[in-house]
């Protein structure tokens, strides 16, 4: 399941410094009904957006970069909350863009 363009605020010293736009892919675990999982997509998106805003996911030394290890950890927890642990397989960062320019 793809979750494109999750807005990740970058806050430094209590001030909004930037936004990162992160696209992720969540693999549905083998043996799990893909269609039943897709019916929960709106709950998944909500959990991912909330997690993006509740956690510091930016690289501490670069306002234009994502801390990918931390982001995957946070997004995995959010996906498990929305879909259940048995449904969540691999999670990968597909792309990251900065509102100040640049992206991967």
N, C-alpha and C. Protein backbone atom coordinates (compact mmCIF):
# COMPACT_ATOMS: atom_id res chain seq x y z
N UNK A 1 0.85 -1.16 0.00
CA UNK A 1 0.00 0.00 0.00
C UNK A 1 0.90 1.23 0.00
N UNK A 2 0.62 2.15 -0.87
CA UNK A 2 1.41 3.37 -0.95
C UNK A 2 0.73 4.49 -0.17
N UNK A 3 1.54 5.31 0.46
CA UNK A 3 1.07 6.51 1.15
C UNK A 3 1.93 7.67 0.64
N UNK A 4 1.46 8.35 -0.40
CA UNK A 4 2.26 9.43 -0.97
C UNK A 4 2.10 10.75 -0.23
N UNK A 5 3.17 11.51 -0.25
CA UNK A 5 3.17 12.91 0.19
C UNK A 5 2.64 13.14 1.59
N UNK A 6 3.19 12.42 2.55
CA UNK A 6 2.89 12.69 3.95
C UNK A 6 3.65 13.95 4.35
N UNK A 7 2.96 14.94 4.88
CA UNK A 7 3.61 16.19 5.28
C UNK A 7 4.25 16.00 6.65
N UNK A 8 5.55 16.25 6.71
CA UNK A 8 6.32 16.10 7.94
C UNK A 8 6.87 17.48 8.32
N UNK A 9 6.33 18.09 9.37
CA UNK A 9 6.86 19.39 9.78
C UNK A 9 8.25 19.25 10.39
N UNK A 10 9.12 20.20 10.07
CA UNK A 10 10.45 20.27 10.67
C UNK A 10 10.43 21.47 11.61
N UNK A 11 10.55 21.20 12.90
CA UNK A 11 10.48 22.25 13.91
C UNK A 11 11.85 22.36 14.58
N UNK A 12 12.35 23.58 14.64
CA UNK A 12 13.62 23.88 15.30
C UNK A 12 13.39 25.01 16.29
N UNK A 13 13.79 24.78 17.53
CA UNK A 13 13.65 25.79 18.59
C UNK A 13 12.22 26.31 18.68
N UNK A 14 11.26 25.41 18.54
CA UNK A 14 9.85 25.78 18.67
C UNK A 14 9.26 26.49 17.46
N UNK A 15 10.03 26.64 16.40
CA UNK A 15 9.57 27.33 15.20
C UNK A 15 9.53 26.37 14.02
N UNK A 16 8.49 26.51 13.19
CA UNK A 16 8.40 25.71 11.98
C UNK A 16 9.49 26.17 11.02
N UNK A 17 10.38 25.26 10.65
CA UNK A 17 11.52 25.60 9.79
C UNK A 17 11.34 25.10 8.36
N UNK A 18 10.52 24.07 8.17
CA UNK A 18 10.41 23.46 6.85
C UNK A 18 9.31 22.40 6.89
N UNK A 19 8.95 21.93 5.73
CA UNK A 19 8.13 20.72 5.59
C UNK A 19 8.86 19.75 4.68
N UNK A 20 8.83 18.49 5.06
CA UNK A 20 9.28 17.42 4.18
C UNK A 20 8.04 16.68 3.71
N UNK A 21 8.03 16.26 2.47
CA UNK A 21 6.92 15.48 1.93
C UNK A 21 7.47 14.10 1.63
N UNK A 22 6.96 13.13 2.36
CA UNK A 22 7.51 11.78 2.35
C UNK A 22 6.49 10.81 1.75
N UNK A 23 6.94 10.02 0.81
CA UNK A 23 6.12 8.96 0.23
C UNK A 23 6.68 7.62 0.70
N UNK A 24 5.78 6.78 1.23
CA UNK A 24 6.22 5.48 1.73
C UNK A 24 5.42 4.36 1.09
N UNK A 25 5.97 3.17 1.19
CA UNK A 25 5.28 1.96 0.72
C UNK A 25 5.26 0.97 1.88
N UNK A 26 4.07 0.44 2.15
CA UNK A 26 3.89 -0.56 3.18
C UNK A 26 3.47 -1.85 2.50
N UNK A 27 4.30 -2.86 2.64
CA UNK A 27 3.97 -4.17 2.06
C UNK A 27 2.99 -4.88 2.98
N UNK A 28 1.95 -5.45 2.40
CA UNK A 28 1.02 -6.27 3.16
C UNK A 28 1.67 -7.64 3.35
N UNK A 29 1.66 -8.12 4.57
CA UNK A 29 2.33 -9.39 4.90
C UNK A 29 1.72 -10.55 4.12
N UNK A 30 2.53 -11.55 3.80
CA UNK A 30 2.02 -12.73 3.10
C UNK A 30 0.90 -13.40 3.90
N UNK A 31 -0.11 -13.86 3.18
CA UNK A 31 -1.22 -14.55 3.81
C UNK A 31 -2.32 -13.64 4.32
N UNK A 32 -2.12 -12.34 4.21
CA UNK A 32 -3.13 -11.38 4.66
C UNK A 32 -3.95 -10.94 3.45
N UNK A 33 -5.26 -10.87 3.61
CA UNK A 33 -6.16 -10.48 2.53
C UNK A 33 -5.93 -9.01 2.16
N UNK A 34 -5.40 -8.79 0.98
CA UNK A 34 -5.10 -7.43 0.52
C UNK A 34 -6.34 -6.57 0.48
N UNK A 35 -7.46 -7.09 0.03
CA UNK A 35 -8.68 -6.29 -0.12
C UNK A 35 -9.25 -5.89 1.22
N UNK A 36 -9.20 -6.77 2.20
CA UNK A 36 -9.67 -6.40 3.54
C UNK A 36 -8.75 -5.34 4.14
N UNK A 37 -7.47 -5.46 3.86
CA UNK A 37 -6.51 -4.46 4.35
C UNK A 37 -6.76 -3.11 3.69
N UNK A 38 -7.03 -3.11 2.39
CA UNK A 38 -7.29 -1.86 1.68
C UNK A 38 -8.53 -1.14 2.20
N UNK A 39 -9.48 -1.88 2.75
CA UNK A 39 -10.66 -1.25 3.33
C UNK A 39 -10.31 -0.39 4.54
N UNK A 40 -9.14 -0.60 5.11
CA UNK A 40 -8.68 0.18 6.26
C UNK A 40 -7.71 1.29 5.85
N UNK A 41 -7.60 1.55 4.57
CA UNK A 41 -6.61 2.52 4.07
C UNK A 41 -6.80 3.91 4.67
N UNK A 42 -8.04 4.34 4.86
CA UNK A 42 -8.28 5.68 5.42
C UNK A 42 -7.82 5.74 6.88
N UNK A 43 -7.97 4.65 7.62
CA UNK A 43 -7.45 4.62 9.00
C UNK A 43 -5.92 4.64 9.00
N UNK A 44 -5.34 3.94 8.04
CA UNK A 44 -3.88 3.93 7.91
C UNK A 44 -3.37 5.33 7.62
N UNK A 45 -3.97 6.00 6.65
CA UNK A 45 -3.53 7.35 6.28
C UNK A 45 -3.63 8.29 7.48
N UNK A 46 -4.72 8.22 8.22
CA UNK A 46 -4.90 9.05 9.40
C UNK A 46 -3.80 8.78 10.42
N UNK A 47 -3.50 7.51 10.68
CA UNK A 47 -2.46 7.16 11.65
C UNK A 47 -1.09 7.66 11.20
N UNK A 48 -0.81 7.56 9.90
CA UNK A 48 0.48 8.02 9.37
C UNK A 48 0.62 9.54 9.47
N UNK A 49 -0.45 10.27 9.16
CA UNK A 49 -0.41 11.73 9.25
C UNK A 49 -0.21 12.16 10.70
N UNK A 50 -0.95 11.54 11.61
CA UNK A 50 -0.80 11.87 13.03
C UNK A 50 0.62 11.58 13.51
N UNK A 51 1.17 10.46 13.10
CA UNK A 51 2.53 10.10 13.50
C UNK A 51 3.55 11.09 12.94
N UNK A 52 3.32 11.55 11.71
CA UNK A 52 4.22 12.51 11.08
C UNK A 52 4.29 13.82 11.85
N UNK A 53 3.16 14.20 12.46
CA UNK A 53 3.10 15.46 13.18
C UNK A 53 3.48 15.32 14.65
N UNK A 54 3.36 14.13 15.20
CA UNK A 54 3.63 13.92 16.62
C UNK A 54 5.09 13.58 16.91
N UNK A 55 5.86 13.28 15.88
CA UNK A 55 7.25 12.85 16.07
C UNK A 55 8.21 13.70 15.26
N UNK A 56 9.41 13.87 15.80
CA UNK A 56 10.46 14.58 15.07
C UNK A 56 11.12 13.59 14.13
N UNK A 57 10.83 13.71 12.84
CA UNK A 57 11.34 12.76 11.85
C UNK A 57 12.44 13.34 10.97
N UNK A 58 12.77 14.60 11.18
CA UNK A 58 13.81 15.24 10.36
C UNK A 58 15.20 14.88 10.90
N UNK A 59 16.17 14.91 10.01
CA UNK A 59 17.56 14.73 10.39
C UNK A 59 17.92 15.89 11.32
N UNK A 60 18.49 15.61 12.49
CA UNK A 60 18.79 16.69 13.43
C UNK A 60 19.76 17.74 12.90
N UNK A 61 20.56 17.40 11.91
CA UNK A 61 21.56 18.34 11.40
C UNK A 61 21.22 18.91 10.03
N UNK A 62 20.06 18.55 9.48
CA UNK A 62 19.71 19.00 8.13
C UNK A 62 18.20 19.14 7.99
N UNK A 63 17.73 20.38 7.88
CA UNK A 63 16.29 20.66 7.75
C UNK A 63 15.68 20.09 6.48
N UNK A 64 16.50 19.73 5.52
CA UNK A 64 16.01 19.22 4.23
C UNK A 64 16.08 17.70 4.12
N UNK A 65 16.44 17.02 5.20
CA UNK A 65 16.62 15.57 5.13
C UNK A 65 15.78 14.86 6.19
N UNK A 66 15.36 13.68 5.84
CA UNK A 66 14.58 12.82 6.72
C UNK A 66 15.51 11.88 7.48
N UNK A 67 15.22 11.66 8.74
CA UNK A 67 15.89 10.62 9.51
C UNK A 67 15.15 9.32 9.17
N UNK A 68 15.63 8.63 8.14
CA UNK A 68 14.89 7.49 7.58
C UNK A 68 14.69 6.36 8.58
N UNK A 69 15.69 6.06 9.37
CA UNK A 69 15.54 4.97 10.35
C UNK A 69 14.43 5.29 11.34
N UNK A 70 14.42 6.51 11.84
CA UNK A 70 13.38 6.93 12.79
C UNK A 70 12.02 6.95 12.11
N UNK A 71 11.95 7.45 10.89
CA UNK A 71 10.68 7.52 10.17
C UNK A 71 10.09 6.13 9.96
N UNK A 72 10.90 5.18 9.55
CA UNK A 72 10.41 3.82 9.34
C UNK A 72 9.90 3.22 10.65
N UNK A 73 10.62 3.47 11.73
CA UNK A 73 10.20 2.98 13.05
C UNK A 73 8.83 3.56 13.43
N UNK A 74 8.67 4.86 13.26
CA UNK A 74 7.41 5.54 13.61
C UNK A 74 6.28 5.10 12.69
N UNK A 75 6.55 5.01 11.39
CA UNK A 75 5.51 4.60 10.45
C UNK A 75 5.11 3.14 10.65
N UNK A 76 6.06 2.29 11.03
CA UNK A 76 5.72 0.89 11.32
C UNK A 76 4.74 0.83 12.50
N UNK A 77 5.03 1.58 13.56
CA UNK A 77 4.14 1.59 14.73
C UNK A 77 2.75 2.09 14.35
N UNK A 78 2.68 3.13 13.51
CA UNK A 78 1.39 3.67 13.08
C UNK A 78 0.63 2.66 12.22
N UNK A 79 1.35 1.98 11.33
CA UNK A 79 0.71 0.98 10.47
C UNK A 79 0.18 -0.19 11.29
N UNK A 80 0.92 -0.61 12.27
CA UNK A 80 0.47 -1.70 13.14
C UNK A 80 -0.77 -1.27 13.91
N UNK A 81 -0.78 -0.03 14.37
CA UNK A 81 -1.95 0.50 15.07
C UNK A 81 -3.19 0.46 14.18
N UNK A 82 -3.04 0.81 12.92
CA UNK A 82 -4.18 0.90 12.00
C UNK A 82 -4.58 -0.44 11.40
N UNK A 83 -3.60 -1.28 11.11
CA UNK A 83 -3.88 -2.51 10.35
C UNK A 83 -3.74 -3.79 11.16
N UNK A 84 -3.02 -3.72 12.27
CA UNK A 84 -2.72 -4.91 13.05
C UNK A 84 -1.34 -5.43 12.70
N UNK A 85 -0.66 -5.99 13.68
CA UNK A 85 0.73 -6.44 13.50
C UNK A 85 0.85 -7.51 12.43
N UNK A 86 -0.14 -8.38 12.32
CA UNK A 86 -0.06 -9.48 11.36
C UNK A 86 -0.13 -9.01 9.92
N UNK A 87 -0.64 -7.81 9.68
CA UNK A 87 -0.84 -7.32 8.31
C UNK A 87 0.36 -6.55 7.75
N UNK A 88 1.25 -6.09 8.62
CA UNK A 88 2.31 -5.17 8.19
C UNK A 88 3.60 -5.93 7.86
N UNK A 89 4.04 -5.78 6.61
CA UNK A 89 5.31 -6.34 6.17
C UNK A 89 6.37 -5.26 6.15
N UNK A 90 7.19 -5.27 5.13
CA UNK A 90 8.27 -4.29 5.00
C UNK A 90 7.72 -2.89 4.74
N UNK A 91 8.43 -1.90 5.25
CA UNK A 91 8.10 -0.50 5.02
C UNK A 91 9.32 0.16 4.41
N UNK A 92 9.10 0.92 3.34
CA UNK A 92 10.22 1.60 2.69
C UNK A 92 9.85 3.04 2.36
N UNK A 93 10.88 3.87 2.36
CA UNK A 93 10.74 5.27 1.95
C UNK A 93 10.92 5.29 0.44
N UNK A 94 9.91 5.75 -0.28
CA UNK A 94 9.95 5.79 -1.74
C UNK A 94 10.59 7.09 -2.21
N UNK A 95 10.22 8.20 -1.58
CA UNK A 95 10.75 9.51 -1.98
C UNK A 95 10.58 10.50 -0.84
N UNK A 96 11.46 11.49 -0.81
CA UNK A 96 11.38 12.58 0.15
C UNK A 96 11.66 13.89 -0.58
N UNK A 97 10.80 14.86 -0.37
CA UNK A 97 10.97 16.18 -0.97
C UNK A 97 10.92 17.23 0.12
N UNK A 98 11.70 18.28 -0.03
CA UNK A 98 11.71 19.39 0.91
C UNK A 98 10.98 20.57 0.30
N UNK A 99 10.21 21.29 1.12
CA UNK A 99 9.54 22.48 0.62
C UNK A 99 10.54 23.59 0.31
N UNK A 100 11.78 23.44 0.77
CA UNK A 100 12.82 24.42 0.49
C UNK A 100 13.69 24.00 -0.68
N UNK A 101 13.24 22.98 -1.38
CA UNK A 101 13.98 22.50 -2.54
C UNK A 101 14.75 21.23 -2.23
N UNK A 102 14.91 20.44 -3.22
CA UNK A 102 15.66 19.20 -3.07
C UNK A 102 14.76 18.03 -2.79
N UNK A 103 15.27 16.88 -3.09
CA UNK A 103 14.51 15.66 -2.85
C UNK A 103 15.25 14.46 -3.38
N UNK A 104 14.79 13.32 -2.96
CA UNK A 104 15.39 12.06 -3.38
C UNK A 104 14.31 11.19 -3.96
